[in-house]
C-alpha atoms as a PDB file:
ATOM      1  CA  MET A   1     112.919 118.287 110.164  1.00  0.00           C
ATOM      2  CA  HIS A   2     116.313 117.744 108.566  1.00  0.00           C
ATOM      3  CA  PRO A   3     119.453 117.522 110.758  1.00  0.00           C
ATOM      4  CA  ILE A   4     121.572 120.640 111.052  1.00  0.00           C
ATOM      5  CA  THR A   5     124.314 120.771 108.422  1.00  0.00           C
ATOM      6  CA  THR A   6     127.950 121.691 109.037  1.00  0.00           C
ATOM      7  CA  THR A   7     127.430 125.065 107.360  1.00  0.00           C
ATOM      8  CA  GLU A   8     124.404 125.814 109.535  1.00  0.00           C
ATOM      9  CA  ALA A   9     126.397 124.796 112.628  1.00  0.00           C
ATOM     10  CA  ILE A  10     129.456 126.962 111.957  1.00  0.00           C
ATOM     11  CA  ASP A  11     128.090 130.156 110.376  1.00  0.00           C
ATOM     12  CA  PRO A  12     126.041 131.318 113.430  1.00  0.00           C
ATOM     13  CA  VAL A  13     129.073 130.806 115.699  1.00  0.00           C
ATOM     14  CA  PHE A  14     131.243 132.885 113.383  1.00  0.00           C
ATOM     15  CA  MET A  15     128.646 135.650 113.099  1.00  0.00           C
ATOM     16  CA  PHE A  16     128.085 135.732 116.879  1.00  0.00           C
ATOM     17  CA  ILE A  17     131.805 136.035 117.679  1.00  0.00           C
ATOM     18  CA  PHE A  18     132.333 138.529 114.859  1.00  0.00           C
ATOM     19  CA  GLY A  19     129.359 140.618 116.054  1.00  0.00           C
ATOM     20  CA  ALA A  20     130.554 140.590 119.677  1.00  0.00           C
ATOM     21  CA  CYS A  21     134.051 141.659 118.609  1.00  0.00           C
ATOM     22  CA  LEU A  22     132.616 144.412 116.410  1.00  0.00           C
ATOM     23  CA  VAL A  23     130.464 145.795 119.258  1.00  0.00           C
ATOM     24  CA  LEU A  24     133.454 145.752 121.623  1.00  0.00           C
ATOM     25  CA  LEU A  25     135.689 147.426 119.037  1.00  0.00           C
ATOM     26  CA  ILE A  26     133.207 150.233 118.425  1.00  0.00           C
ATOM     27  CA  GLY A  27     132.441 150.676 122.138  1.00  0.00           C
ATOM     28  CA  ILE A  28     136.064 150.723 123.295  1.00  0.00           C
ATOM     29  CA  THR A  29     137.140 153.029 120.460  1.00  0.00           C
ATOM     30  CA  ALA A  30     134.263 155.454 121.155  1.00  0.00           C
ATOM     31  CA  ALA A  31     135.084 155.513 124.896  1.00  0.00           C
ATOM     32  CA  MET A  32     138.768 156.068 124.181  1.00  0.00           C
ATOM     33  CA  VAL A  33     138.095 158.980 121.809  1.00  0.00           C
ATOM     34  CA  THR A  34     135.612 160.510 124.276  1.00  0.00           C
ATOM     35  CA  PHE A  35     138.090 160.341 127.168  1.00  0.00           C
ATOM     36  CA  VAL A  36     140.940 161.730 125.049  1.00  0.00           C
ATOM     37  CA  VAL A  37     138.832 164.739 124.064  1.00  0.00           C
ATOM     38  CA  ARG A  38     137.057 165.342 127.359  1.00  0.00           C
ATOM     39  CA  TYR A  39     140.037 164.858 129.659  1.00  0.00           C
ATOM     40  CA  HIS A  40     142.770 166.382 127.508  1.00  0.00           C
ATOM     41  CA  ARG A  41     145.276 168.294 129.601  1.00  0.00           C
ATOM     42  CA  SER A  42     144.313 171.608 127.947  1.00  0.00           C
ATOM     43  CA  ARG A  43     140.714 171.111 129.175  1.00  0.00           C
ATOM     44  CA  SER A  44     141.422 169.466 132.527  1.00  0.00           C
ATOM     45  CA  PRO A  45     144.892 170.368 133.770  1.00  0.00           C
ATOM     46  CA  GLU A  46     144.057 169.027 137.260  1.00  0.00           C
ATOM     47  CA  PRO A  47     142.336 165.789 138.327  1.00  0.00           C
ATOM     48  CA  THR A  48     138.599 166.401 138.822  1.00  0.00           C
ATOM     49  CA  SER A  49     137.676 163.232 140.742  1.00  0.00           C
ATOM     50  CA  ARG A  50     138.891 161.621 143.952  1.00  0.00           C
ATOM     51  CA  VAL A  51     136.826 158.434 143.584  1.00  0.00           C
ATOM     52  CA  GLU A  52     138.945 155.380 144.434  1.00  0.00           C
ATOM     53  CA  ASN A  53     136.497 152.615 143.493  1.00  0.00           C
ATOM     54  CA  ASN A  54     133.042 151.929 142.062  1.00  0.00           C
ATOM     55  CA  LEU A  55     131.586 148.555 143.070  1.00  0.00           C
ATOM     56  CA  ARG A  56     128.770 148.648 140.520  1.00  0.00           C
ATOM     57  CA  LEU A  57     131.154 149.389 137.640  1.00  0.00           C
ATOM     58  CA  GLU A  58     133.573 146.678 138.767  1.00  0.00           C
ATOM     59  CA  VAL A  59     130.763 144.100 138.942  1.00  0.00           C
ATOM     60  CA  VAL A  60     129.553 145.054 135.450  1.00  0.00           C
ATOM     61  CA  TRP A  61     132.952 144.852 133.753  1.00  0.00           C
ATOM     62  CA  THR A  62     133.592 141.491 135.430  1.00  0.00           C
ATOM     63  CA  LEU A  63     130.156 139.946 134.822  1.00  0.00           C
ATOM     64  CA  LEU A  64     129.651 141.015 131.213  1.00  0.00           C
ATOM     65  CA  PRO A  65     132.947 139.573 129.854  1.00  0.00           C
ATOM     66  CA  THR A  66     132.318 136.360 131.824  1.00  0.00           C
ATOM     67  CA  LEU A  67     128.858 135.953 130.298  1.00  0.00           C
ATOM     68  CA  LEU A  68     130.244 136.771 126.846  1.00  0.00           C
ATOM     69  CA  VAL A  69     133.003 134.125 127.131  1.00  0.00           C
ATOM     70  CA  LEU A  70     130.503 131.543 128.389  1.00  0.00           C
ATOM     71  CA  ALA A  71     128.203 132.308 125.463  1.00  0.00           C
ATOM     72  CA  MET A  72     131.106 131.896 123.017  1.00  0.00           C
ATOM     73  CA  PHE A  73     132.006 128.582 124.650  1.00  0.00           C
ATOM     74  CA  TYR A  74     128.410 127.347 124.462  1.00  0.00           C
ATOM     75  CA  TYR A  75     128.023 128.184 120.761  1.00  0.00           C
ATOM     76  CA  GLY A  76     131.471 126.779 119.977  1.00  0.00           C
ATOM     77  CA  TRP A  77     130.796 123.513 121.834  1.00  0.00           C
ATOM     78  CA  ALA A  78     127.397 123.093 120.190  1.00  0.00           C
ATOM     79  CA  GLY A  79     129.013 123.654 116.783  1.00  0.00           C
ATOM     80  CA  TYR A  80     131.791 121.156 117.571  1.00  0.00           C
ATOM     81  CA  LEU A  81     129.279 118.472 118.552  1.00  0.00           C
ATOM     82  CA  ALA A  82     127.376 119.064 115.325  1.00  0.00           C
ATOM     83  CA  LEU A  83     130.591 118.510 113.358  1.00  0.00           C
ATOM     84  CA  ARG A  84     131.416 115.253 115.151  1.00  0.00           C
ATOM     85  CA  ASN A  85     127.956 113.655 115.401  1.00  0.00           C
ATOM     86  CA  VAL A  86     127.205 112.121 112.008  1.00  0.00           C
ATOM     87  CA  PRO A  87     123.503 111.924 111.050  1.00  0.00           C
ATOM     88  CA  GLU A  88     121.996 108.457 110.705  1.00  0.00           C
ATOM     89  CA  GLY A  89     121.970 107.019 107.203  1.00  0.00           C
ATOM     90  CA  ALA A  90     125.013 108.980 106.008  1.00  0.00           C
ATOM     91  CA  MET A  91     126.776 107.575 102.963  1.00  0.00           C
ATOM     92  CA  GLU A  92     130.313 106.415 103.831  1.00  0.00           C
ATOM     93  CA  VAL A  93     133.371 107.149 101.699  1.00  0.00           C
ATOM     94  CA  THR A  94     137.053 106.574 102.494  1.00  0.00           C
ATOM     95  CA  ALA A  95     139.421 109.412 101.570  1.00  0.00           C
ATOM     96  CA  THR A  96     143.086 108.445 101.270  1.00  0.00           C
ATOM     97  CA  ALA A  97     145.515 111.356 101.386  1.00  0.00           C
ATOM     98  CA  ARG A  98     149.067 110.675 100.265  1.00  0.00           C
ATOM     99  CA  MET A  99     151.955 112.727  98.930  1.00  0.00           C
ATOM    100  CA  TRP A 100     150.491 114.468  96.959  1.00  0.00           C
ATOM    101  CA  SER A 101     147.054 113.421  95.872  1.00  0.00           C
ATOM    102  CA  TRP A 102     143.603 112.351  97.017  1.00  0.00           C
ATOM    103  CA  SER A 103     141.762 109.135  96.221  1.00  0.00           C
ATOM    104  CA  PHE A 104     138.236 108.196  97.289  1.00  0.00           C
ATOM    105  CA  SER A 105     136.850 104.677  97.720  1.00  0.00           C
ATOM    106  CA  TYR A 106     133.167 103.748  97.868  1.00  0.00           C
ATOM    107  CA  ALA A 107     131.435 100.752  99.462  1.00  0.00           C
ATOM    108  CA  ASN A 108     130.942  99.042  96.077  1.00  0.00           C
ATOM    109  CA  GLY A 109     134.665  99.262  95.251  1.00  0.00           C
ATOM    110  CA  ARG A 110     134.447 102.319  92.971  1.00  0.00           C
ATOM    111  CA  THR A 111     137.412 104.706  93.268  1.00  0.00           C
ATOM    112  CA  ALA A 112     137.988 108.232  91.990  1.00  0.00           C
ATOM    113  CA  THR A 113     140.362 111.160  92.327  1.00  0.00           C
ATOM    114  CA  LYS A 114     137.406 113.491  92.921  1.00  0.00           C
ATOM    115  CA  LEU A 115     134.847 113.050  95.678  1.00  0.00           C
ATOM    116  CA  TYR A 116     131.452 112.472  94.045  1.00  0.00           C
ATOM    117  CA  VAL A 117     128.468 112.881  96.374  1.00  0.00           C
ATOM    118  CA  PRO A 118     124.675 113.063  96.024  1.00  0.00           C
ATOM    119  CA  VAL A 119     122.952 116.388  96.654  1.00  0.00           C
ATOM    120  CA  GLY A 120     121.014 116.634  99.917  1.00  0.00           C
ATOM    121  CA  LYS A 121     122.402 113.450 101.526  1.00  0.00           C
ATOM    122  CA  PRO A 122     124.809 113.419 104.514  1.00  0.00           C
ATOM    123  CA  VAL A 123     128.229 112.040 103.588  1.00  0.00           C
ATOM    124  CA  LYS A 124     130.667 110.631 106.152  1.00  0.00           C
ATOM    125  CA  VAL A 125     134.286 110.657 105.002  1.00  0.00           C
ATOM    126  CA  GLU A 126     136.745 108.359 106.771  1.00  0.00           C
ATOM    127  CA  LEU A 127     140.201 109.954 106.657  1.00  0.00           C
ATOM    128  CA  VAL A 128     143.281 107.801 105.994  1.00  0.00           C
ATOM    129  CA  SER A 129     146.943 108.656 105.377  1.00  0.00           C
ATOM    130  CA  PRO A 130     149.660 106.070 104.598  1.00  0.00           C
ATOM    131  CA  ASP A 131     152.568 108.535 104.861  1.00  0.00           C
ATOM    132  CA  VAL A 132     152.499 111.951 106.601  1.00  0.00           C
ATOM    133  CA  VAL A 133     149.995 114.342 108.180  1.00  0.00           C
ATOM    134  CA  HIS A 134     147.590 115.920 105.705  1.00  0.00           C
ATOM    135  CA  GLY A 135     144.463 118.042 106.156  1.00  0.00           C
ATOM    136  CA  PHE A 136     140.972 117.615 104.685  1.00  0.00           C
ATOM    137  CA  TYR A 137     139.691 121.170 104.135  1.00  0.00           C
ATOM    138  CA  VAL A 138     136.505 122.161 102.305  1.00  0.00           C
ATOM    139  CA  PRO A 139     135.722 125.877 102.857  1.00  0.00           C
ATOM    140  CA  ALA A 140     132.275 125.645 101.227  1.00  0.00           C
ATOM    141  CA  PHE A 141     131.106 123.142 103.858  1.00  0.00           C
ATOM    142  CA  ARG A 142     133.092 124.646 106.769  1.00  0.00           C
ATOM    143  CA  VAL A 143     134.974 121.418 107.486  1.00  0.00           C
ATOM    144  CA  LYS A 144     138.681 120.997 108.183  1.00  0.00           C
ATOM    145  CA  ARG A 145     140.199 117.947 109.829  1.00  0.00           C
ATOM    146  CA  ASP A 146     143.713 116.543 110.117  1.00  0.00           C
ATOM    147  CA  VAL A 147     144.470 113.260 108.353  1.00  0.00           C
ATOM    148  CA  VAL A 148     146.983 111.530 110.624  1.00  0.00           C
ATOM    149  CA  PRO A 149     148.701 108.189 109.867  1.00  0.00           C
ATOM    150  CA  GLY A 150     147.426 105.459 112.178  1.00  0.00           C
ATOM    151  CA  MET A 151     144.623 107.569 113.684  1.00  0.00           C
ATOM    152  CA  LYS A 152     140.913 107.066 112.974  1.00  0.00           C
ATOM    153  CA  ASN A 153     139.256 110.324 112.024  1.00  0.00           C
ATOM    154  CA  HIS A 154     136.302 111.522 109.987  1.00  0.00           C
ATOM    155  CA  VAL A 155     134.349 114.493 108.716  1.00  0.00           C
ATOM    156  CA  TRP A 156     130.817 114.769 107.410  1.00  0.00           C
ATOM    157  CA  PHE A 157     128.885 117.311 105.374  1.00  0.00           C
ATOM    158  CA  VAL A 158     125.827 117.823 103.181  1.00  0.00           C
ATOM    159  CA  ALA A 159     125.974 119.396  99.717  1.00  0.00           C
ATOM    160  CA  ASP A 160     122.757 121.409  99.503  1.00  0.00           C
ATOM    161  CA  LYS A 161     123.012 122.055  95.788  1.00  0.00           C
ATOM    162  CA  ALA A 162     124.747 120.603  92.758  1.00  0.00           C
ATOM    163  CA  GLY A 163     128.155 122.007  91.881  1.00  0.00           C
ATOM    164  CA  SER A 164     131.908 121.669  92.185  1.00  0.00           C
ATOM    165  CA  TYR A 165     133.555 122.545  95.517  1.00  0.00           C
ATOM    166  CA  ASP A 166     137.298 122.897  96.148  1.00  0.00           C
ATOM    167  CA  LEU A 167     139.009 120.431  98.484  1.00  0.00           C
ATOM    168  CA  PHE A 168     142.464 121.386  99.786  1.00  0.00           C
ATOM    169  CA  CYS A 169     145.189 119.830 101.915  1.00  0.00           C
ATOM    170  CA  SER A 170     145.517 122.201 104.885  1.00  0.00           C
ATOM    171  CA  GLN A 171     148.771 120.787 106.327  1.00  0.00           C
ATOM    172  CA  TYR A 172     152.155 121.322 104.691  1.00  0.00           C
ATOM    173  CA  CYS A 173     153.104 117.814 103.563  1.00  0.00           C
ATOM    174  CA  GLY A 174     156.153 118.304 101.364  1.00  0.00           C
ATOM    175  CA  THR A 175     157.218 119.476  97.927  1.00  0.00           C
ATOM    176  CA  GLY A 176     153.915 118.903  96.164  1.00  0.00           C
ATOM    177  CA  HIS A 177     151.654 120.290  98.911  1.00  0.00           C
ATOM    178  CA  SER A 178     150.417 123.240  96.863  1.00  0.00           C
ATOM    179  CA  ALA A 179     149.292 120.920  94.062  1.00  0.00           C
ATOM    180  CA  MET A 180     147.323 118.621  96.389  1.00  0.00           C
ATOM    181  CA  ILE A 181     143.966 120.005  95.298  1.00  0.00           C
ATOM    182  CA  THR A 182     140.861 118.225  94.079  1.00  0.00           C
ATOM    183  CA  THR A 183     137.112 118.864  94.102  1.00  0.00           C
ATOM    184  CA  ILE A 184     133.886 117.572  95.552  1.00  0.00           C
ATOM    185  CA  GLU A 185     131.413 117.013  92.736  1.00  0.00           C
ATOM    186  CA  ALA A 186     127.848 117.209  94.053  1.00  0.00           C
ATOM    187  CA  LEU A 187     125.422 115.502  91.654  1.00  0.00           C
ATOM    188  CA  PRO A 188     121.623 115.124  91.723  1.00  0.00           C
ATOM    189  CA  ALA A 189     120.723 111.758  93.275  1.00  0.00           C
ATOM    190  CA  PRO A 190     119.846 109.982  89.970  1.00  0.00           C
ATOM    191  CA  GLU A 191     123.081 111.165  88.297  1.00  0.00           C
ATOM    192  CA  PHE A 192     125.153 110.109  91.297  1.00  0.00           C
ATOM    193  CA  ALA A 193     123.533 106.663  91.376  1.00  0.00           C
ATOM    194  CA  ALA A 194     124.324 106.207  87.678  1.00  0.00           C
ATOM    195  CA  TRP A 195     127.936 107.330  88.189  1.00  0.00           C
ATOM    196  CA  LEU A 196     128.404 105.003  91.174  1.00  0.00           C
ATOM    197  CA  GLN A 197     127.299 101.977  89.156  1.00  0.00           C
ATOM    198  CA  GLN A 198     129.538 102.676  86.169  1.00  0.00           C
ATOM    199  CA  GLU A 199     132.232 100.114  85.516  1.00  0.00           C
ATOM    200  CA  THR A 200     135.553 100.716  83.798  1.00  0.00           C
ATOM    201  CA  ALA A 201     136.122  98.031  81.175  1.00  0.00           C
ATOM    202  CA  GLY A 202     139.389  96.474  80.001  1.00  0.00           C
ATOM    203  CA  ALA A 203     142.909  96.263  81.376  1.00  0.00           C
ATOM    204  CA  ALA A 204     143.678  99.856  80.459  1.00  0.00           C
ATOM    205  CA  GLY A 205     140.603 101.078  82.285  1.00  0.00           C
ATOM    206  CA  ASN A 206     141.547  98.976  85.300  1.00  0.00           C
ATOM    207  CA  GLY A 207     145.038 100.476  85.120  1.00  0.00           C
ATOM    208  CA  ARG A 208     143.620 103.976  85.367  1.00  0.00           C
ATOM    209  CA  THR A 209     141.516 102.957  88.366  1.00  0.00           C
ATOM    210  CA  LEU A 210     144.601 101.526  90.068  1.00  0.00           C
ATOM    211  CA  MET A 211     146.587 104.700  89.393  1.00  0.00           C
ATOM    212  CA  GLU A 212     143.804 106.809  90.872  1.00  0.00           C
ATOM    213  CA  LYS A 213     143.557 104.514  93.890  1.00  0.00           C
ATOM    214  CA  HIS A 214     147.289 104.693  94.624  1.00  0.00           C
ATOM    215  CA  GLY A 215     147.576 108.429  93.981  1.00  0.00           C
ATOM    216  CA  CYS A 216     149.794 108.209  90.879  1.00  0.00           C
ATOM    217  CA  VAL A 217     147.806 110.831  88.958  1.00  0.00           C
ATOM    218  CA  GLY A 218     148.455 113.341  91.722  1.00  0.00           C
ATOM    219  CA  CYS A 219     152.083 113.663  90.579  1.00  0.00           C
ATOM    220  CA  HIS A 220     151.993 112.388  86.973  1.00  0.00           C
ATOM    221  CA  SER A 221     149.727 114.153  84.487  1.00  0.00           C
ATOM    222  CA  LEU A 222     147.960 112.188  81.767  1.00  0.00           C
ATOM    223  CA  ASP A 223     147.685 115.014  79.237  1.00  0.00           C
ATOM    224  CA  GLY A 224     151.283 116.225  78.871  1.00  0.00           C
ATOM    225  CA  SER A 225     150.964 119.126  81.301  1.00  0.00           C
ATOM    226  CA  PRO A 226     153.859 119.730  83.740  1.00  0.00           C
ATOM    227  CA  SER A 227     153.544 118.286  87.223  1.00  0.00           C
ATOM    228  CA  ILE A 228     155.632 117.094  90.155  1.00  0.00           C
ATOM    229  CA  GLY A 229     156.689 113.982  88.236  1.00  0.00           C
ATOM    230  CA  PRO A 230     157.116 113.223  84.519  1.00  0.00           C
ATOM    231  CA  THR A 231     153.929 113.207  82.441  1.00  0.00           C
ATOM    232  CA  LEU A 232     152.725 109.767  81.372  1.00  0.00           C
ATOM    233  CA  LYS A 233     151.390 110.931  78.022  1.00  0.00           C
ATOM    234  CA  GLY A 234     153.628 109.574  75.267  1.00  0.00           C
ATOM    235  CA  LEU A 235     156.037 108.114  77.811  1.00  0.00           C
ATOM    236  CA  PHE A 236     155.887 104.482  76.694  1.00  0.00           C
ATOM    237  CA  GLY A 237     158.580 103.742  74.114  1.00  0.00           C
ATOM    238  CA  SER A 238     160.166 107.194  74.347  1.00  0.00           C
ATOM    239  CA  GLN A 239     163.806 107.982  75.101  1.00  0.00           C
ATOM    240  CA  VAL A 240     164.234 109.251  78.663  1.00  0.00           C
ATOM    241  CA  LYS A 241     167.253 110.864  80.274  1.00  0.00           C
ATOM    242  CA  VAL A 242     167.764 109.420  83.747  1.00  0.00           C
ATOM    243  CA  THR A 243     170.277 109.111  86.555  1.00  0.00           C
ATOM    244  CA  LYS A 244     171.077 105.590  87.722  1.00  0.00           C
ATOM    245  CA  ASP A 245     173.731 104.715  90.297  1.00  0.00           C
ATOM    246  CA  GLY A 246     174.886 108.319  90.091  1.00  0.00           C
ATOM    247  CA  LYS A 247     175.481 108.125  86.324  1.00  0.00           C
ATOM    248  CA  PRO A 248     173.487 109.935  83.589  1.00  0.00           C
ATOM    249  CA  LEU A 249     171.922 107.591  81.039  1.00  0.00           C
ATOM    250  CA  THR A 250     169.415 107.636  78.215  1.00  0.00           C
ATOM    251  CA  VAL A 251     167.020 104.687  78.362  1.00  0.00           C
ATOM    252  CA  THR A 252     163.914 103.507  76.561  1.00  0.00           C
ATOM    253  CA  ALA A 253     160.731 103.709  78.599  1.00  0.00           C
ATOM    254  CA  ASP A 254     159.660 100.139  77.892  1.00  0.00           C
ATOM    255  CA  ARG A 255     157.682  97.691  80.025  1.00  0.00           C
ATOM    256  CA  ALA A 256     160.691  96.675  82.156  1.00  0.00           C
ATOM    257  CA  PHE A 257     161.651 100.316  82.798  1.00  0.00           C
ATOM    258  CA  LEU A 258     158.124 101.255  83.905  1.00  0.00           C
ATOM    259  CA  ILE A 259     157.764  98.263  86.222  1.00  0.00           C
ATOM    260  CA  GLU A 260     161.145  98.949  87.823  1.00  0.00           C
ATOM    261  CA  SER A 261     160.261 102.651  88.226  1.00  0.00           C
ATOM    262  CA  ILE A 262     157.038 101.729  90.030  1.00  0.00           C
ATOM    263  CA  ARG A 263     158.551  99.065  92.287  1.00  0.00           C
ATOM    264  CA  GLU A 264     161.875 100.814  92.971  1.00  0.00           C
ATOM    265  CA  PRO A 265     161.347 104.503  92.176  1.00  0.00           C
ATOM    266  CA  MET A 266     164.664 105.569  93.730  1.00  0.00           C
ATOM    267  CA  ALA A 267     166.739 103.250  91.522  1.00  0.00           C
ATOM    268  CA  THR A 268     166.303 105.325  88.354  1.00  0.00           C
ATOM    269  CA  VAL A 269     165.377 109.020  88.542  1.00  0.00           C
ATOM    270  CA  VAL A 270     164.247 110.962  85.487  1.00  0.00           C
ATOM    271  CA  GLU A 271     166.386 114.022  84.791  1.00  0.00           C
ATOM    272  CA  GLY A 272     164.861 117.263  86.066  1.00  0.00           C
ATOM    273  CA  PHE A 273     162.765 115.649  88.802  1.00  0.00           C
ATOM    274  CA  GLN A 274     163.346 115.003  92.490  1.00  0.00           C
ATOM    275  CA  PRO A 275     163.677 111.432  93.895  1.00  0.00           C
ATOM    276  CA  ILE A 276     160.536 111.727  96.002  1.00  0.00           C
ATOM    277  CA  MET A 277     158.250 109.013  94.620  1.00  0.00           C
ATOM    278  CA  PRO A 278     157.203 106.473  97.291  1.00  0.00           C
ATOM    279  CA  ALA A 279     157.432 102.733  96.608  1.00  0.00           C
ATOM    280  CA  ASN A 280     154.284 100.678  95.962  1.00  0.00           C
ATOM    281  CA  PRO A 281     154.987  97.239  97.476  1.00  0.00           C
ATOM    282  CA  ASP A 282     151.308  96.240  97.642  1.00  0.00           C
ATOM    283  CA  LEU A 283     150.877  96.181  93.854  1.00  0.00           C
ATOM    284  CA  SER A 284     150.541  92.675  92.439  1.00  0.00           C
ATOM    285  CA  LYS A 285     152.024  91.533  89.134  1.00  0.00           C
ATOM    286  CA  GLU A 286     148.559  91.808  87.554  1.00  0.00           C
ATOM    287  CA  ASP A 287     148.177  95.370  88.882  1.00  0.00           C
ATOM    288  CA  LEU A 288     151.547  96.369  87.434  1.00  0.00           C
ATOM    289  CA  GLU A 289     150.649  94.916  84.051  1.00  0.00           C
ATOM    290  CA  ALA A 290     147.330  96.785  84.037  1.00  0.00           C
ATOM    291  CA  ILE A 291     149.066 100.083  84.854  1.00  0.00           C
ATOM    292  CA  VAL A 292     151.678  99.551  82.131  1.00  0.00           C
ATOM    293  CA  GLU A 293     148.918  98.802  79.597  1.00  0.00           C
ATOM    294  CA  PHE A 294     147.180 102.036  80.542  1.00  0.00           C
ATOM    295  CA  ILE A 295     150.399 104.071  80.185  1.00  0.00           C
ATOM    296  CA  LYS A 296     151.057 102.357  76.856  1.00  0.00           C
ATOM    297  CA  GLU A 297     147.756 103.695  75.472  1.00  0.00           C
ATOM    298  CA  LEU A 298     148.534 107.311  76.484  1.00  0.00           C
ATOM    299  CA  LYS A 299     149.951 108.285  73.126  1.00  0.00           C
END
């Protein structure tokens, strides 16, 4: 017997509450219409009853709502426990949410900007944020959890079938919030195992991995398409209009310019873009060189 999945935990709760609300809506509306018609002033100009109380009716309308609320609480609590209790043997992945991108790290050191998971296996996702509050929201798996700086948090789910599932940030986190979207790619177990063991060769490949890890590709496109920050395609060696020390300049996007822009992003701001890029103090000299080599090849 397989453990209950997040979808199986949430859907019955939703249907129960929706069904109870629907029954109440129909019942109350029917009673209201009946009373309006039956006791309209044209039909009953004078009160027809002198009854001041009805113990049986009062007990019923007190007991039934109480039982209904208790039932809703029970189903809701059971669903909450299912969402928090991770099945044994779940694969662990760390999701880092930053302004404004996602990166995912696996136990063997593999990183990606999409969350790759095997079909049919529970996946526990540790949620980390180095800057502001974000939200990990996957409608297909009925999971939504805040990603709070400095707080340990997690979600888990099972992808029952192969496919691509949207993953959103559910908390407004700044200018690029609406673009903070990625996907969960559910692969058959053999395909996932092969993907997990792939290695990216060369300095350029390592540069791409580093950019994915630090969230650079969330704001800078690699194919020339518009984004929150300047595209990196064709950037190396090009002439760029910038503002530095409050003065407009045209500079060449060479190695020194790129390294300075990564280490001190507020020092030189490309024209037409906001000065919102965070600094990356934890990048080593070797990491910076690898990133520059990768950008250099994006012609």
